[in-house]
Amino acid sequence: MDIPDSKQLGSLPKFWDEHRRVLIEIPIRIVVIIVVALILRAVIRRMINRAVRPVRGELPRLLRPFKERLDSSSFLESAGLLSERRSLRAATLGSVLNSAASITIFVIAFLLVLSELQVDLAPFIAGTSIVGVALGFGAQNIVKDFLAGMFMLMEDQYGVGDVIDFEKATGTVEAVGLRSTRLRDVNGTVWYVRNGEVVRVGNKSQGYAQVVLDIPIDAWADVDAASAAMLAVSHELAADEDWSGVFLSEPEVQGVEAMTREETVIRLVAKVRPLEQWRTARELRRRIRDRLEHLDIDSHVPPQSEEPVEPVGEDVPPPPADAGQPNRPPPT
């Protein structure tokens, strides 16, 4: 067994001094950077998850800085959709914040590790920029969808349970994501709409809804009597115990909306709670139809003239044989 001589033993401190930074300091700094990044990511994720969870059924803390466009949410709450809408919105925003925080923390940690290894970051940053530009051009539709979905969620343009009109698809929202929205129309068809392709959207569930009924009656019917009957029926429905909570204002008859030689159209308008307009309109139509039939308003026909009508056409009797001949005295 070879025993190291005093010269070799004397060179160890010199080797240690020359390589101490590479063997000890740099690995420790890298480990500290990684540990701090993991701890910071865990703390931020915990804070975001706590902000996403609702407290005692209230609005999640994450959504409190953002506007919620639900002035009247009794229907959604009774149907169990309000909590689902808020939870889905908060969970989606929370996932975005978690992903953004994780990416930011890990990118910064990665750059710090490279700097500790004395790697020149200029070529790396330049190459990353080129790759980012290429991905931006190639995946610009995906980026557009995600940005549109993000702003849509923050502004609460629509949510689960809302009835919306996407110009080419109309239905009830079943799921809202960052990239697409799923809704089901009245026929049961499921539509998937990319958020980036939405130019305009009509939400029929925010604030209040308007029931607009155009009731046609016979052109010769009494307009005042029909209007009074329609107004009385709507007020009776608004005073009904089962329907009083639906109406937000007194119904009103706005008058004659259109008229032709065959019919006259009278318009009735009522402001109701969101998502109640279709049910209320069906009930109003049924009651108004029964009332008009009971008053015999809708069965009027144009009155017949009592003067004798001169026959025309084929009904005209043929002229007598001597028609047009001059009167002559009878023969003697």
Protein backbone atom coordinates (compact mmCIF):
# COMPACT_ATOMS: atom_id res chain seq x y z
CA MET A 1 0.00 0.00 0.00
CA ASP A 2 1.40 3.34 -1.07
CA ILE A 3 1.51 5.99 1.60
CA PRO A 4 1.12 9.56 0.29
CA ASP A 5 4.24 11.58 0.94
CA SER A 6 4.32 14.96 2.57
CA LYS A 7 4.37 16.75 -0.81
CA GLN A 8 1.06 15.22 -1.87
CA LEU A 9 -0.49 15.93 1.51
CA GLY A 10 0.63 19.50 1.27
CA SER A 11 -1.08 19.95 -2.09
CA LEU A 12 -4.54 19.03 -0.72
CA PRO A 13 -5.19 22.40 0.93
CA LYS A 14 -4.19 24.14 -2.27
CA PHE A 15 -6.53 21.91 -4.33
CA TRP A 16 -9.28 22.53 -1.83
CA ASP A 17 -8.82 26.25 -1.99
CA GLU A 18 -8.87 26.21 -5.79
CA HIS A 19 -11.97 24.02 -6.15
CA ARG A 20 -13.89 24.88 -3.02
CA ARG A 21 -16.32 27.15 -4.89
CA VAL A 22 -17.10 24.48 -7.48
CA LEU A 23 -17.37 21.60 -5.04
CA ILE A 24 -19.11 23.30 -2.12
CA GLU A 25 -20.40 26.81 -2.69
CA ILE A 26 -22.07 26.41 -6.09
CA PRO A 27 -23.91 23.14 -5.22
CA ILE A 28 -25.12 24.62 -1.93
CA ARG A 29 -26.36 27.75 -3.71
CA ILE A 30 -28.14 25.67 -6.33
CA VAL A 31 -29.79 23.54 -3.65
CA VAL A 32 -30.83 26.67 -1.76
CA ILE A 33 -32.32 28.19 -4.93
CA ILE A 34 -34.30 25.03 -5.67
CA VAL A 35 -35.53 24.67 -2.08
CA VAL A 36 -36.57 28.33 -1.87
CA ALA A 37 -38.38 28.05 -5.21
CA LEU A 38 -40.28 24.95 -4.07
CA ILE A 39 -41.21 26.52 -0.74
CA LEU A 40 -42.31 29.75 -2.39
CA ARG A 41 -44.40 27.82 -4.94
CA ALA A 42 -46.05 25.76 -2.17
CA VAL A 43 -46.87 28.89 -0.14
CA ILE A 44 -48.35 30.71 -3.15
CA ARG A 45 -50.39 27.66 -4.21
CA ARG A 46 -51.74 27.31 -0.68
CA MET A 47 -52.75 30.97 -0.61
CA ILE A 48 -54.46 30.69 -4.01
CA ASN A 49 -56.29 27.48 -3.03
CA ARG A 50 -57.55 29.11 0.16
CA ALA A 51 -58.76 32.09 -1.84
CA VAL A 52 -60.60 29.77 -4.25
CA ARG A 53 -62.55 27.85 -1.59
CA PRO A 54 -65.78 29.55 -0.46
CA VAL A 55 -66.18 30.22 3.25
CA ARG A 56 -69.56 29.17 4.70
CA GLY A 57 -71.22 29.29 1.29
CA GLU A 58 -70.17 32.90 0.64
CA LEU A 59 -68.46 34.29 -2.44
CA PRO A 60 -64.86 32.98 -2.71
CA ARG A 61 -62.27 35.54 -1.72
CA LEU A 62 -60.64 35.29 -5.13
CA LEU A 63 -63.78 36.61 -6.83
CA ARG A 64 -64.43 39.54 -4.51
CA PRO A 65 -62.22 42.01 -6.44
CA PHE A 66 -64.04 41.12 -9.67
CA LYS A 67 -67.51 42.22 -10.63
CA GLU A 68 -70.26 39.63 -10.51
CA ARG A 69 -73.10 40.29 -12.94
CA LEU A 70 -75.81 38.57 -10.92
CA ASP A 71 -78.25 41.17 -9.67
CA SER A 72 -80.94 38.55 -9.21
CA SER A 73 -79.74 35.00 -8.65
CA SER A 74 -82.70 33.35 -6.91
CA PHE A 75 -83.37 31.01 -9.80
CA LEU A 76 -79.75 29.88 -10.06
CA GLU A 77 -79.55 29.45 -6.30
CA SER A 78 -82.75 27.41 -6.15
CA ALA A 79 -81.51 25.21 -8.99
CA GLY A 80 -78.15 24.65 -7.28
CA LEU A 81 -76.28 26.38 -10.11
CA LEU A 82 -75.11 29.48 -8.29
CA SER A 83 -72.51 27.68 -6.15
CA GLU A 84 -71.41 25.63 -9.15
CA ARG A 85 -71.04 28.77 -11.25
CA ARG A 86 -68.96 30.53 -8.61
CA SER A 87 -66.88 27.44 -7.81
CA LEU A 88 -66.09 26.79 -11.47
CA ARG A 89 -65.19 30.41 -12.08
CA ALA A 90 -62.97 30.55 -8.99
CA ALA A 91 -61.34 27.19 -9.77
CA THR A 92 -60.54 28.27 -13.33
CA LEU A 93 -59.03 31.55 -12.22
CA GLY A 94 -57.17 29.73 -9.45
CA SER A 95 -55.67 27.22 -11.88
CA VAL A 96 -54.50 30.06 -14.11
CA LEU A 97 -52.89 31.86 -11.19
CA ASN A 98 -51.26 28.63 -9.98
CA SER A 99 -49.85 27.90 -13.42
CA ALA A 100 -48.62 31.46 -13.87
CA ALA A 101 -46.98 31.48 -10.44
CA SER A 102 -45.31 28.09 -10.99
CA ILE A 103 -43.97 29.05 -14.41
CA THR A 104 -42.64 32.38 -13.15
CA ILE A 105 -40.95 30.86 -10.11
CA PHE A 106 -39.36 27.96 -11.99
CA VAL A 107 -38.11 30.17 -14.84
CA ILE A 108 -36.48 32.56 -12.38
CA ALA A 109 -34.96 29.65 -10.44
CA PHE A 110 -33.67 28.09 -13.65
CA LEU A 111 -32.01 31.33 -14.71
CA LEU A 112 -30.43 31.72 -11.27
CA VAL A 113 -29.06 28.18 -11.45
CA LEU A 114 -27.56 28.86 -14.87
CA SER A 115 -25.96 32.04 -13.57
CA GLU A 116 -24.41 30.09 -10.68
CA LEU A 117 -22.98 27.66 -13.21
CA GLN A 118 -21.50 30.66 -15.04
CA VAL A 119 -23.45 29.93 -18.18
CA ASP A 120 -23.74 32.85 -20.58
CA LEU A 121 -27.45 33.70 -20.61
CA ALA A 122 -27.41 36.00 -23.63
CA PRO A 123 -27.49 33.23 -26.29
CA PHE A 124 -30.01 31.30 -24.22
CA ILE A 125 -32.34 34.29 -23.91
CA ALA A 126 -31.98 35.06 -27.62
CA GLY A 127 -32.79 31.45 -28.56
CA THR A 128 -35.73 31.39 -26.18
CA SER A 129 -37.08 34.57 -27.74
CA ILE A 130 -36.87 33.05 -31.21
CA VAL A 131 -38.66 29.91 -30.04
CA GLY A 132 -41.29 32.02 -28.31
CA VAL A 133 -41.93 34.04 -31.47
CA ALA A 134 -42.24 30.84 -33.51
CA LEU A 135 -44.65 29.32 -31.00
CA GLY A 136 -46.57 32.58 -30.92
CA PHE A 137 -47.16 32.49 -34.66
CA GLY A 138 -47.91 28.78 -34.71
CA ALA A 139 -50.20 28.72 -31.67
CA GLN A 140 -51.70 32.19 -31.89
CA ASN A 141 -55.25 30.79 -31.98
CA ILE A 142 -54.65 28.91 -28.73
CA VAL A 143 -53.18 32.02 -27.12
CA LYS A 144 -56.12 34.04 -28.39
CA ASP A 145 -58.57 31.52 -26.92
CA PHE A 146 -56.86 31.54 -23.53
CA LEU A 147 -56.67 35.33 -23.32
CA ALA A 148 -60.32 35.70 -24.33
CA GLY A 149 -61.35 33.08 -21.78
CA MET A 150 -59.32 34.80 -19.07
CA PHE A 151 -60.94 38.19 -19.63
CA MET A 152 -64.36 36.58 -19.97
CA LEU A 153 -64.00 34.94 -16.55
CA MET A 154 -62.67 38.08 -14.87
CA GLU A 155 -65.51 40.20 -16.29
CA ASP A 156 -68.10 37.48 -15.55
CA GLN A 157 -69.68 37.84 -18.98
CA TYR A 158 -71.47 34.51 -18.53
CA GLY A 159 -71.27 31.40 -16.38
CA VAL A 160 -72.75 27.99 -15.70
CA GLY A 161 -76.55 28.11 -15.85
CA ASP A 162 -76.78 31.23 -18.02
CA VAL A 163 -78.74 31.20 -21.27
CA ILE A 164 -76.57 32.86 -23.89
CA ASP A 165 -76.67 33.59 -27.61
CA PHE A 166 -73.44 32.98 -29.53
CA GLU A 167 -74.95 34.18 -32.83
CA LYS A 168 -74.78 30.67 -34.33
CA ALA A 169 -75.58 28.72 -31.17
CA THR A 170 -78.00 29.51 -28.36
CA GLY A 171 -78.45 27.48 -25.21
CA THR A 172 -77.67 26.94 -21.52
CA VAL A 173 -74.03 27.06 -20.43
CA GLU A 174 -72.88 23.73 -18.97
CA ALA A 175 -69.14 24.35 -18.60
CA VAL A 176 -66.78 27.28 -18.97
CA GLY A 177 -63.07 26.85 -19.59
CA LEU A 178 -60.20 29.03 -20.62
CA ARG A 179 -60.13 27.69 -24.16
CA SER A 180 -63.77 26.83 -24.90
CA THR A 181 -67.33 27.02 -23.61
CA ARG A 182 -69.85 24.16 -23.70
CA LEU A 183 -73.56 24.87 -24.00
CA ARG A 184 -76.67 22.83 -24.77
CA ASP A 185 -79.51 24.17 -26.91
CA VAL A 186 -83.24 23.54 -26.54
CA ASN A 187 -83.04 20.48 -28.80
CA GLY A 188 -80.40 18.84 -26.62
CA THR A 189 -77.49 19.49 -28.99
CA VAL A 190 -74.19 20.21 -27.24
CA TRP A 191 -72.15 23.06 -28.73
CA TYR A 192 -68.44 23.66 -28.12
CA VAL A 193 -67.44 27.25 -28.85
CA ARG A 194 -63.85 28.50 -28.77
CA ASN A 195 -63.57 31.61 -26.64
CA GLY A 196 -61.31 33.33 -29.16
CA GLU A 197 -63.97 33.02 -31.87
CA VAL A 198 -66.65 34.83 -29.85
CA VAL A 199 -67.09 38.31 -31.30
CA ARG A 200 -70.33 39.10 -29.47
CA VAL A 201 -72.45 37.24 -26.96
CA GLY A 202 -75.94 37.93 -25.66
CA ASN A 203 -76.67 36.90 -22.09
CA LYS A 204 -80.37 36.39 -21.34
CA SER A 205 -79.80 35.75 -17.62
CA GLN A 206 -78.31 38.98 -16.26
CA GLY A 207 -80.20 41.66 -14.37
CA TYR A 208 -83.75 41.14 -15.54
CA ALA A 209 -85.75 39.70 -18.42
CA GLN A 210 -88.54 41.17 -20.48
CA VAL A 211 -91.70 39.35 -21.51
CA VAL A 212 -92.97 40.78 -24.80
CA LEU A 213 -96.26 39.37 -26.06
CA ASP A 214 -97.81 40.40 -29.36
CA ILE A 215 -101.41 39.17 -29.18
CA PRO A 216 -103.31 39.17 -32.48
CA ILE A 217 -107.06 39.77 -32.50
CA ASP A 218 -109.53 40.08 -35.30
CA ALA A 219 -109.29 43.34 -37.24
CA TRP A 220 -112.94 44.14 -36.39
CA ALA A 221 -112.61 43.34 -32.67
CA ASP A 222 -112.86 45.97 -29.94
CA VAL A 223 -109.25 47.02 -29.27
CA ASP A 224 -110.05 48.78 -25.98
CA ALA A 225 -111.91 45.76 -24.60
CA ALA A 226 -109.14 43.40 -25.66
CA SER A 227 -106.45 45.64 -24.14
CA ALA A 228 -108.37 45.89 -20.87
CA ALA A 229 -108.79 42.12 -20.75
CA MET A 230 -105.08 41.52 -21.39
CA LEU A 231 -104.06 44.03 -18.72
CA ALA A 232 -106.48 42.52 -16.19
CA VAL A 233 -105.15 39.01 -16.84
CA SER A 234 -101.52 40.12 -16.42
CA HIS A 235 -102.30 41.94 -13.16
CA GLU A 236 -104.12 38.89 -11.84
CA LEU A 237 -101.11 36.73 -12.64
CA ALA A 238 -98.73 39.22 -10.98
CA ALA A 239 -100.93 39.19 -7.86
CA ASP A 240 -101.03 35.38 -7.76
CA GLU A 241 -99.13 34.00 -4.76
CA ASP A 242 -97.23 31.51 -6.94
CA TRP A 243 -96.21 34.15 -9.47
CA SER A 244 -95.81 37.35 -7.45
CA GLY A 245 -92.10 36.74 -6.88
CA VAL A 246 -91.45 36.48 -10.60
CA PHE A 247 -92.60 39.98 -11.61
CA LEU A 248 -90.26 42.92 -11.02
CA SER A 249 -92.73 45.59 -12.16
CA GLU A 250 -96.36 45.99 -13.11
CA PRO A 251 -97.21 44.65 -16.57
CA GLU A 252 -98.40 47.19 -19.10
CA VAL A 253 -100.18 47.19 -22.43
CA GLN A 254 -98.27 49.39 -24.85
CA GLY A 255 -101.01 49.51 -27.45
CA VAL A 256 -101.44 48.47 -31.06
CA GLU A 257 -98.15 47.17 -32.43
CA ALA A 258 -99.31 46.28 -35.94
CA MET A 259 -102.48 46.07 -37.96
CA THR A 260 -103.57 44.54 -41.24
CA ARG A 261 -106.87 43.95 -43.02
CA GLU A 262 -107.20 40.61 -41.18
CA GLU A 263 -105.89 41.26 -37.64
CA THR A 264 -104.75 43.79 -35.10
CA VAL A 265 -101.71 43.07 -32.89
CA ILE A 266 -101.64 44.39 -29.31
CA ARG A 267 -98.38 44.38 -27.34
CA LEU A 268 -98.10 43.47 -23.65
CA VAL A 269 -94.79 43.96 -21.77
CA ALA A 270 -93.74 42.74 -18.32
CA LYS A 271 -90.38 42.84 -16.53
CA VAL A 272 -89.57 39.56 -14.74
CA ARG A 273 -86.64 37.80 -13.11
CA PRO A 274 -83.94 36.28 -15.31
CA LEU A 275 -84.72 32.89 -16.86
CA GLU A 276 -88.40 33.28 -15.97
CA GLN A 277 -89.48 35.02 -19.16
CA TRP A 278 -90.39 31.89 -21.13
CA ARG A 279 -92.45 30.25 -18.38
CA THR A 280 -94.25 33.51 -17.65
CA ALA A 281 -94.96 34.15 -21.33
CA ARG A 282 -96.52 30.70 -21.75
CA GLU A 283 -98.80 31.19 -18.76
CA LEU A 284 -99.83 34.65 -19.92
CA ARG A 285 -100.68 33.39 -23.39
CA ARG A 286 -102.85 30.62 -21.96
CA ARG A 287 -104.78 32.94 -19.62
CA ILE A 288 -105.20 35.69 -22.20
CA ARG A 289 -106.51 33.22 -24.76
CA ASP A 290 -109.07 31.87 -22.28
CA ARG A 291 -110.18 35.39 -21.30
CA LEU A 292 -110.57 36.55 -24.91
CA GLU A 293 -112.57 33.47 -25.79
CA HIS A 294 -114.74 33.97 -22.72
CA LEU A 295 -115.44 37.58 -23.76
CA ASP A 296 -115.99 36.53 -27.38
CA ILE A 297 -113.51 39.16 -28.46
CA ASP A 298 -111.42 37.11 -30.81
CA SER A 299 -114.34 35.62 -32.80
CA HIS A 300 -115.70 38.79 -34.41
CA VAL A 301 -116.15 38.71 -38.17
CA PRO A 302 -116.64 41.64 -40.52
CA PRO A 303 -120.29 42.75 -40.40
CA GLN A 304 -122.48 41.92 -43.40
CA SER A 305 -124.26 44.71 -45.22
CA GLU A 306 -128.09 44.53 -45.09
CA GLU A 307 -128.47 46.26 -48.45
CA PRO A 308 -129.16 43.97 -51.38
CA VAL A 309 -126.07 43.24 -53.36
CA GLU A 310 -126.34 43.55 -57.08
CA PRO A 311 -125.35 40.26 -58.69
CA VAL A 312 -122.32 40.33 -60.89
CA GLY A 313 -120.66 37.98 -63.26
CA GLU A 314 -122.35 34.65 -63.93
CA ASP A 315 -125.10 35.37 -61.40
CA VAL A 316 -126.56 38.14 -63.59
CA PRO A 317 -129.79 36.84 -65.20
CA PRO A 318 -129.86 36.96 -69.01
CA PRO A 319 -131.70 39.95 -70.53
CA PRO A 320 -135.16 39.33 -71.98
CA ALA A 321 -135.45 38.59 -75.66
CA ASP A 322 -136.96 41.98 -76.47
CA ALA A 323 -134.40 43.87 -74.43
CA GLY A 324 -133.10 46.84 -76.32
CA GLN A 325 -136.03 46.87 -78.79
CA PRO A 326 -138.14 50.04 -79.09
CA ASN A 327 -141.62 49.99 -77.63
CA ARG A 328 -144.21 49.39 -80.34
CA PRO A 329 -147.99 49.66 -80.05
CA PRO A 330 -149.82 46.34 -79.92
CA PRO A 331 -151.29 45.15 -83.23
CA THR A 332 -154.95 45.92 -83.89
